[in-house]
Amino acid sequence: MVVVEKRRAVADIVEHPRAFVLVAVALVGLAGCGLSPAPEGAATDAQGPQPVDSCTTITEPGRYALTGDIADSEADTCIRIRSDDVVLAGRDHRVDGVGAFGTAGVVVRPDGGGPLENVTVRNVTVTGWDDGVRYVRVVDGAVVGTTTADNRVGLSLLNARDNRVADNVARDNRLRGVSLLEASANNTVVNNTAIDNALFGIHVVEGGARNNTLAGNTASNNEFGIAVVGAHGNTVTGNTAAGNRIAGVWLVAARDNRVARNAVSDQFYGVFLSDRSGGNAVADNVAASNAVGIRLRSSDGNRIADNTVRSSGDTAVLLISSDDNAVVGNVGSDNARGISVVRSAGNSLANNSISVSESGPGSGES
């Protein structure tokens, strides 16, 4: 029977060659258009992301997308992500709470002891929570293009490593805009805007928060623009801090950090090192129109080099109870005072050219 069927098939081809060619061409064309069946269990782009229209817990890998706003939620946590390899796309929708203590809008956190990997949250607005977006023990993830507003804390990473925090807006939060806490290390915080937060714009705290890079961010109209508290080995570079009430960049009990090429203006202190901050490099920054351009208090062994300090209402560079610092190669003009050293010893002042305004009390060149 098999031989007979084969012969019939060959005969059909011989008798109707044109029909056979047309069918063959059509099948090849369909295969070329990507319409061949997908392997069993494989996801395809045609399937699209899984819709999310209410508070939920995500426990499987995949792509998810908000389909609308979630408003006035009274949930303890609205969206929980508990799986590796997840993308949550907000599509510019809002996850909104009622401001209750202890609540959170979006939390990415493993159920077990190990970390979560490769989780991205993007393009969502999170408002009205105790914590807006929180990553806990997440590695190789990303938070991109979110807005966190009117929370206690906007966006925070805890014990999170090798994540990218980029192009987010954190504004009008009651405590902090963006925070890296505990052992959060090797993260990149880039091109974010932290504005009008009650205390900190961008905040890196605790000894385990190491080797993070803060670059190209804007921190304005906060109490402190960028604060590095008890954290070591971080890089703060190319940021703009303007109009913060106390300091543009503040290091407290922080060691071996690099603060470079930042623009700090219109606050009480441009760059402020305090309370046993040592071994830090403050270089190539522009401090303009602050009361004090660069201030050290109880901070030893730092290098303050090649900064431009101008239009300081009180003092360009001020050292108080700070020993063994190198203040070299700094320039500036139109400051009320140049370099002042008070109750300090062993400091090296060399090759600075910081002039004072004509109405200033004295020369600052050294």
Protein backbone atom coordinates (compact mmCIF):
# COMPACT_ATOMS: atom_id res chain seq x y z
CA MET A 1 0.00 0.00 0.00
CA VAL A 2 2.81 2.40 0.75
CA VAL A 3 4.33 1.85 -2.71
CA VAL A 4 0.95 2.44 -4.35
CA GLU A 5 0.40 5.70 -2.47
CA LYS A 6 3.86 6.95 -3.42
CA ARG A 7 3.18 6.18 -7.08
CA ARG A 8 -0.12 8.06 -6.92
CA ALA A 9 1.61 11.08 -5.39
CA VAL A 10 4.24 11.08 -8.13
CA ALA A 11 1.54 10.76 -10.78
CA ASP A 12 -0.33 13.73 -9.34
CA ILE A 13 2.82 15.82 -9.51
CA VAL A 14 3.45 14.79 -13.12
CA GLU A 15 -0.16 15.40 -14.14
CA HIS A 16 -0.53 18.73 -12.34
CA PRO A 17 2.97 20.23 -12.11
CA ARG A 18 1.74 23.85 -12.01
CA ALA A 19 -0.50 23.21 -8.98
CA PHE A 20 2.35 21.53 -7.17
CA VAL A 21 4.67 24.47 -7.77
CA LEU A 22 2.10 26.98 -6.52
CA VAL A 23 1.52 25.04 -3.31
CA ALA A 24 5.24 24.66 -2.72
CA VAL A 25 5.85 28.38 -3.24
CA ALA A 26 3.02 29.26 -0.86
CA LEU A 27 4.43 27.01 1.85
CA VAL A 28 7.91 28.48 1.47
CA GLY A 29 6.46 31.99 1.65
CA LEU A 30 4.60 31.23 4.84
CA ALA A 31 7.75 29.82 6.42
CA GLY A 32 9.68 32.93 5.39
CA CYS A 33 7.10 35.19 7.04
CA GLY A 34 7.77 33.55 10.39
CA LEU A 35 4.41 31.77 10.49
CA SER A 36 5.81 28.34 11.04
CA PRO A 37 4.66 26.82 14.34
CA ALA A 38 6.71 27.79 17.41
CA PRO A 39 8.25 25.02 19.47
CA GLU A 40 5.97 23.77 22.19
CA GLY A 41 6.11 26.04 25.26
CA ALA A 42 8.05 28.83 23.51
CA ALA A 43 6.85 32.41 24.02
CA THR A 44 6.46 34.61 20.95
CA ASP A 45 6.30 38.38 20.54
CA ALA A 46 2.85 37.97 19.01
CA GLN A 47 1.56 36.81 22.38
CA GLY A 48 2.46 40.16 23.98
CA PRO A 49 2.92 40.83 27.69
CA GLN A 50 0.54 39.47 30.27
CA PRO A 51 -1.94 42.17 31.38
CA VAL A 52 -1.98 43.53 34.92
CA ASP A 53 -5.07 45.51 35.88
CA SER A 54 -5.02 45.32 39.69
CA CYS A 55 -2.71 44.64 42.61
CA THR A 56 -1.10 41.25 42.13
CA THR A 57 1.84 38.94 42.88
CA ILE A 58 4.03 37.87 39.95
CA THR A 59 5.59 34.46 40.50
CA GLU A 60 6.54 33.39 36.96
CA PRO A 61 9.13 34.73 34.49
CA GLY A 62 7.83 36.78 31.61
CA ARG A 63 6.70 40.17 30.40
CA TYR A 64 3.88 41.97 32.16
CA ALA A 65 2.20 45.31 31.46
CA LEU A 66 -0.23 47.55 33.29
CA THR A 67 -3.41 48.06 31.31
CA GLY A 68 -4.64 51.06 33.30
CA ASP A 69 -4.23 53.08 36.49
CA ILE A 70 -4.58 51.49 39.92
CA ALA A 71 -6.02 54.24 42.11
CA ASP A 72 -6.45 54.63 45.89
CA SER A 73 -5.35 51.09 46.67
CA GLU A 74 -5.51 50.07 50.31
CA ALA A 75 -3.27 47.04 49.80
CA ASP A 76 -0.23 46.52 52.03
CA THR A 77 1.83 45.98 48.88
CA CYS A 78 0.22 46.47 45.50
CA ILE A 79 2.54 44.70 43.05
CA ARG A 80 4.90 42.01 44.30
CA ILE A 81 7.49 40.46 42.00
CA ARG A 82 8.85 37.14 43.28
CA SER A 83 10.42 35.64 40.14
CA ASP A 84 13.63 35.97 38.13
CA ASP A 85 13.51 37.23 34.54
CA VAL A 86 10.54 39.57 34.79
CA VAL A 87 9.82 42.81 32.95
CA LEU A 88 7.01 44.97 34.31
CA ALA A 89 6.09 47.75 31.89
CA GLY A 90 3.97 50.45 33.42
CA ARG A 91 3.09 52.04 30.07
CA ASP A 92 2.95 55.36 31.94
CA HIS A 93 0.09 54.17 34.14
CA ARG A 94 -0.12 54.90 37.86
CA VAL A 95 0.02 52.65 40.93
CA ASP A 96 -1.54 54.80 43.63
CA GLY A 97 -2.06 54.17 47.33
CA VAL A 98 -3.60 56.04 50.23
CA GLY A 99 -0.38 56.88 52.09
CA ALA A 100 -0.71 54.33 54.89
CA PHE A 101 2.36 53.57 57.02
CA GLY A 102 4.21 50.38 56.08
CA THR A 103 2.70 50.05 52.61
CA ALA A 104 4.52 49.81 49.28
CA GLY A 105 3.62 50.27 45.65
CA VAL A 106 6.00 47.91 43.80
CA VAL A 107 8.28 45.50 45.69
CA VAL A 108 10.77 43.16 44.04
CA ARG A 109 11.95 40.62 46.60
CA PRO A 110 12.75 36.90 46.66
CA ASP A 111 10.75 34.49 48.77
CA GLY A 112 13.82 32.43 49.68
CA GLY A 113 17.31 33.21 50.82
CA GLY A 114 18.91 33.73 47.42
CA PRO A 115 18.61 36.88 45.33
CA LEU A 116 16.30 37.56 42.43
CA GLU A 117 17.97 38.12 39.06
CA ASN A 118 17.16 40.14 35.96
CA VAL A 119 14.02 42.04 37.00
CA THR A 120 13.14 45.31 35.27
CA VAL A 121 10.45 47.81 36.29
CA ARG A 122 9.92 50.66 33.87
CA ASN A 123 7.66 53.55 32.90
CA VAL A 124 5.32 53.46 35.87
CA THR A 125 4.25 56.26 38.22
CA VAL A 126 4.03 55.20 41.87
CA THR A 127 2.35 57.58 44.33
CA GLY A 128 0.86 57.59 47.80
CA TRP A 129 2.80 54.81 49.55
CA ASP A 130 5.21 54.51 52.43
CA ASP A 131 7.70 53.07 49.91
CA GLY A 132 7.17 53.68 46.23
CA VAL A 133 9.46 51.18 44.45
CA ARG A 134 11.65 48.87 46.51
CA TYR A 135 14.25 46.33 45.31
CA VAL A 136 15.43 43.90 48.00
CA ARG A 137 18.22 41.37 47.26
CA VAL A 138 17.98 41.87 43.52
CA VAL A 139 20.97 41.47 41.19
CA ASP A 140 21.42 42.46 37.53
CA GLY A 141 18.10 44.26 37.41
CA ALA A 142 16.94 47.71 36.34
CA VAL A 143 14.56 50.50 37.31
CA VAL A 144 14.07 52.75 34.32
CA GLY A 145 11.83 55.70 33.53
CA THR A 146 9.69 55.55 36.67
CA THR A 147 8.20 58.46 38.61
CA THR A 148 7.90 58.12 42.39
CA ALA A 149 6.09 61.00 44.07
CA ASP A 150 4.27 61.77 47.30
CA ASN A 151 5.61 58.68 49.10
CA ARG A 152 7.69 58.58 52.26
CA VAL A 153 10.56 57.08 50.23
CA GLY A 154 10.48 57.18 46.46
CA LEU A 155 12.83 54.47 45.13
CA SER A 156 15.12 52.30 47.25
CA LEU A 157 17.57 49.43 46.83
CA LEU A 158 18.39 47.24 49.84
CA ASN A 159 21.14 44.63 49.64
CA ALA A 160 20.89 44.92 45.88
CA ARG A 161 23.85 44.55 43.50
CA ASP A 162 24.75 45.33 39.91
CA ASN A 163 21.49 47.08 39.10
CA ARG A 164 20.89 50.03 36.79
CA VAL A 165 18.75 52.91 38.07
CA ALA A 166 18.28 55.27 35.15
CA ASP A 167 16.08 58.12 33.91
CA ASN A 168 13.77 58.08 36.93
CA VAL A 169 12.08 61.05 38.61
CA ALA A 170 11.74 61.10 42.41
CA ARG A 171 9.90 64.20 43.64
CA ASP A 172 7.93 65.49 46.60
CA ASN A 173 8.65 62.45 48.75
CA ARG A 174 8.45 63.01 52.50
CA LEU A 175 11.90 61.65 53.33
CA ARG A 176 14.10 60.52 50.42
CA GLY A 177 13.97 60.43 46.67
CA VAL A 178 16.42 57.63 45.73
CA SER A 179 18.23 55.50 48.33
CA LEU A 180 20.88 52.77 48.24
CA LEU A 181 20.92 51.02 51.60
CA GLU A 182 22.69 48.28 53.52
CA ALA A 183 24.93 46.16 51.26
CA SER A 184 23.84 47.69 47.96
CA ALA A 185 26.99 47.56 45.82
CA ASN A 186 28.14 48.01 42.22
CA ASN A 187 24.95 49.75 41.18
CA THR A 188 24.78 52.50 38.56
CA VAL A 189 22.51 55.46 39.31
CA VAL A 190 22.46 57.61 36.21
CA ASN A 191 20.42 60.47 34.71
CA ASN A 192 17.83 60.54 37.48
CA THR A 193 16.06 63.66 38.77
CA ALA A 194 15.49 64.04 42.52
CA ILE A 195 13.64 67.25 43.28
CA ASP A 196 11.63 68.73 46.15
CA ASN A 197 12.13 65.78 48.50
CA ALA A 198 11.94 66.77 52.15
CA LEU A 199 15.35 65.47 53.26
CA PHE A 200 17.58 63.65 50.73
CA GLY A 201 17.49 63.76 46.96
CA ILE A 202 19.85 60.80 46.39
CA HIS A 203 21.07 58.90 49.43
CA VAL A 204 23.76 56.20 49.83
CA VAL A 205 24.10 54.87 53.35
CA GLU A 206 25.86 52.17 55.42
CA GLY A 207 29.23 50.53 55.13
CA GLY A 208 28.15 47.84 52.70
CA ALA A 209 27.01 50.39 50.11
CA ARG A 210 30.22 50.29 48.07
CA ASN A 211 31.42 50.82 44.53
CA ASN A 212 28.25 52.49 43.38
CA THR A 213 28.40 55.10 40.62
CA LEU A 214 26.17 58.17 40.76
CA ALA A 215 26.52 60.01 37.47
CA GLY A 216 24.64 62.64 35.52
CA ASN A 217 21.87 63.05 38.09
CA THR A 218 20.05 66.26 39.01
CA ALA A 219 19.26 66.86 42.69
CA SER A 220 17.50 70.14 43.42
CA ASN A 221 15.43 71.76 46.18
CA ASN A 222 16.00 69.00 48.72
CA GLU A 223 17.53 69.44 52.19
CA PHE A 224 20.63 67.61 50.90
CA GLY A 225 21.09 67.00 47.19
CA ILE A 226 23.35 63.92 47.26
CA ALA A 227 24.31 62.36 50.61
CA VAL A 228 26.87 59.60 51.20
CA VAL A 229 26.52 58.48 54.82
CA GLY A 230 28.90 55.91 56.28
CA ALA A 231 29.42 54.47 52.78
CA HIS A 232 32.80 53.88 51.18
CA GLY A 233 34.40 53.60 47.76
CA ASN A 234 31.62 55.23 45.74
CA THR A 235 31.89 57.62 42.80
CA VAL A 236 29.81 60.80 42.57
CA THR A 237 30.52 62.36 39.21
CA GLY A 238 28.98 64.72 36.70
CA ASN A 239 25.91 65.51 38.79
CA THR A 240 24.10 68.83 39.18
CA ALA A 241 22.99 69.89 42.67
CA ALA A 242 21.29 73.27 42.84
CA GLY A 243 19.12 75.05 45.35
CA ASN A 244 19.32 72.43 48.11
CA ARG A 245 18.83 73.97 51.52
CA ILE A 246 21.95 72.68 53.33
CA ALA A 247 24.39 70.98 50.95
CA GLY A 248 24.71 69.94 47.34
CA VAL A 249 26.98 66.94 48.06
CA TRP A 250 27.36 65.81 51.68
CA LEU A 251 29.74 63.10 52.90
CA VAL A 252 29.43 62.08 56.54
CA ALA A 253 31.62 59.38 58.14
CA ALA A 254 32.40 58.30 54.58
CA ARG A 255 35.76 57.07 53.29
CA ASP A 256 37.55 56.65 49.97
CA ASN A 257 34.84 58.15 47.82
CA ARG A 258 35.45 60.24 44.71
CA VAL A 259 33.46 63.46 44.18
CA ALA A 260 34.38 64.84 40.78
CA ARG A 261 33.11 67.14 38.02
CA ASN A 262 29.90 68.03 39.80
CA ALA A 263 28.19 71.42 39.59
CA VAL A 264 26.95 72.60 43.00
CA SER A 265 25.26 75.96 43.44
CA ASP A 266 22.86 78.06 45.45
CA GLN A 267 22.95 76.19 48.74
CA PHE A 268 24.57 76.79 52.11
CA TYR A 269 27.45 74.36 51.46
CA GLY A 270 28.42 73.27 47.96
CA VAL A 271 30.44 70.18 48.99
CA PHE A 272 30.48 69.32 52.70
CA LEU A 273 32.67 66.63 54.34
CA SER A 274 31.96 65.99 58.01
CA ASP A 275 32.31 63.66 60.99
CA ARG A 276 35.38 61.55 60.22
CA SER A 277 35.14 61.53 56.45
CA GLY A 278 38.64 60.54 55.31
CA GLY A 279 40.55 59.51 52.24
CA ASN A 280 38.07 61.13 49.86
CA ALA A 281 38.98 62.94 46.64
CA VAL A 282 37.06 66.13 45.84
CA ALA A 283 38.29 67.21 42.42
CA ASP A 284 37.31 69.22 39.35
CA ASN A 285 34.00 70.38 40.78
CA VAL A 286 32.43 73.79 40.16
CA ALA A 287 30.97 75.36 43.31
CA ALA A 288 29.22 78.64 42.58
CA SER A 289 27.05 81.03 44.59
CA ASN A 290 27.05 79.02 47.81
CA ALA A 291 27.62 80.46 51.27
CA VAL A 292 30.66 78.13 51.57
CA GLY A 293 31.94 76.45 48.44
CA ILE A 294 33.76 73.48 50.02
CA ARG A 295 33.70 72.80 53.75
CA LEU A 296 35.48 70.17 55.87
CA ARG A 297 34.60 69.60 59.51
CA SER A 298 36.33 66.92 61.59
CA SER A 299 37.51 65.24 58.41
CA ASP A 300 41.15 64.22 57.93
CA GLY A 301 43.32 63.02 55.08
CA ASN A 302 41.23 64.17 52.13
CA ARG A 303 42.40 65.68 48.85
CA ILE A 304 40.68 68.86 47.65
CA ALA A 305 42.14 69.55 44.21
CA ASP A 306 41.52 71.48 41.02
CA ASN A 307 38.09 72.75 41.94
CA THR A 308 36.61 76.04 40.77
CA VAL A 309 34.98 78.00 43.58
CA ARG A 310 33.39 81.35 42.86
CA SER A 311 30.91 83.83 44.27
CA SER A 312 30.88 82.28 47.75
CA GLY A 313 28.95 84.51 50.13
CA ASP A 314 31.13 83.55 53.12
CA THR A 315 34.19 81.39 52.31
CA ALA A 316 35.45 79.54 49.26
CA VAL A 317 37.18 76.66 51.14
CA LEU A 318 36.79 76.22 54.89
CA LEU A 319 38.58 73.67 57.09
CA ILE A 320 37.45 73.32 60.70
CA SER A 321 39.05 70.76 63.05
CA SER A 322 40.33 68.88 60.00
CA ASP A 323 43.92 67.67 59.75
CA ASP A 324 46.34 66.39 57.12
CA ASN A 325 44.30 67.37 54.09
CA ALA A 326 45.78 68.44 50.76
CA VAL A 327 44.18 71.57 49.29
CA VAL A 328 45.91 72.09 45.97
CA GLY A 329 45.34 73.64 42.57
CA ASN A 330 41.96 75.19 43.31
CA VAL A 331 40.91 78.39 41.56
CA GLY A 332 38.11 80.88 41.86
CA SER A 333 36.99 84.46 42.00
CA ASP A 334 34.59 86.86 43.64
CA ASN A 335 34.44 85.02 46.97
CA ALA A 336 33.92 86.87 50.26
CA ARG A 337 36.88 84.90 51.70
CA GLY A 338 39.37 82.56 50.09
CA ILE A 339 40.74 79.59 52.09
CA SER A 340 40.22 79.58 55.85
CA VAL A 341 41.78 77.04 58.23
CA VAL A 342 40.46 76.90 61.81
CA ARG A 343 41.70 74.62 64.62
CA SER A 344 43.38 72.32 62.08
CA ALA A 345 46.93 71.00 61.64
CA GLY A 346 49.15 69.35 59.08
CA ASN A 347 47.23 70.54 56.02
CA SER A 348 49.02 71.20 52.75
CA LEU A 349 47.87 74.29 50.85
CA ALA A 350 49.60 74.76 47.51
CA ASN A 351 49.09 76.32 44.10
CA ASN A 352 45.65 77.66 44.84
CA SER A 353 44.41 80.86 43.22
CA ILE A 354 41.17 81.81 44.85
CA SER A 355 40.57 85.52 44.82
CA VAL A 356 38.10 87.48 46.89
CA SER A 357 35.74 90.22 45.87
CA GLU A 358 36.80 93.80 46.41
CA SER A 359 34.47 94.01 49.39
CA GLY A 360 35.79 90.75 50.86
CA PRO A 361 37.75 90.72 54.15
CA GLY A 362 41.03 89.35 52.78
CA SER A 363 43.01 87.50 50.17
CA GLY A 364 42.55 83.75 49.68
CA GLU A 365 45.58 82.97 47.53
CA SER A 366 47.98 80.28 48.78
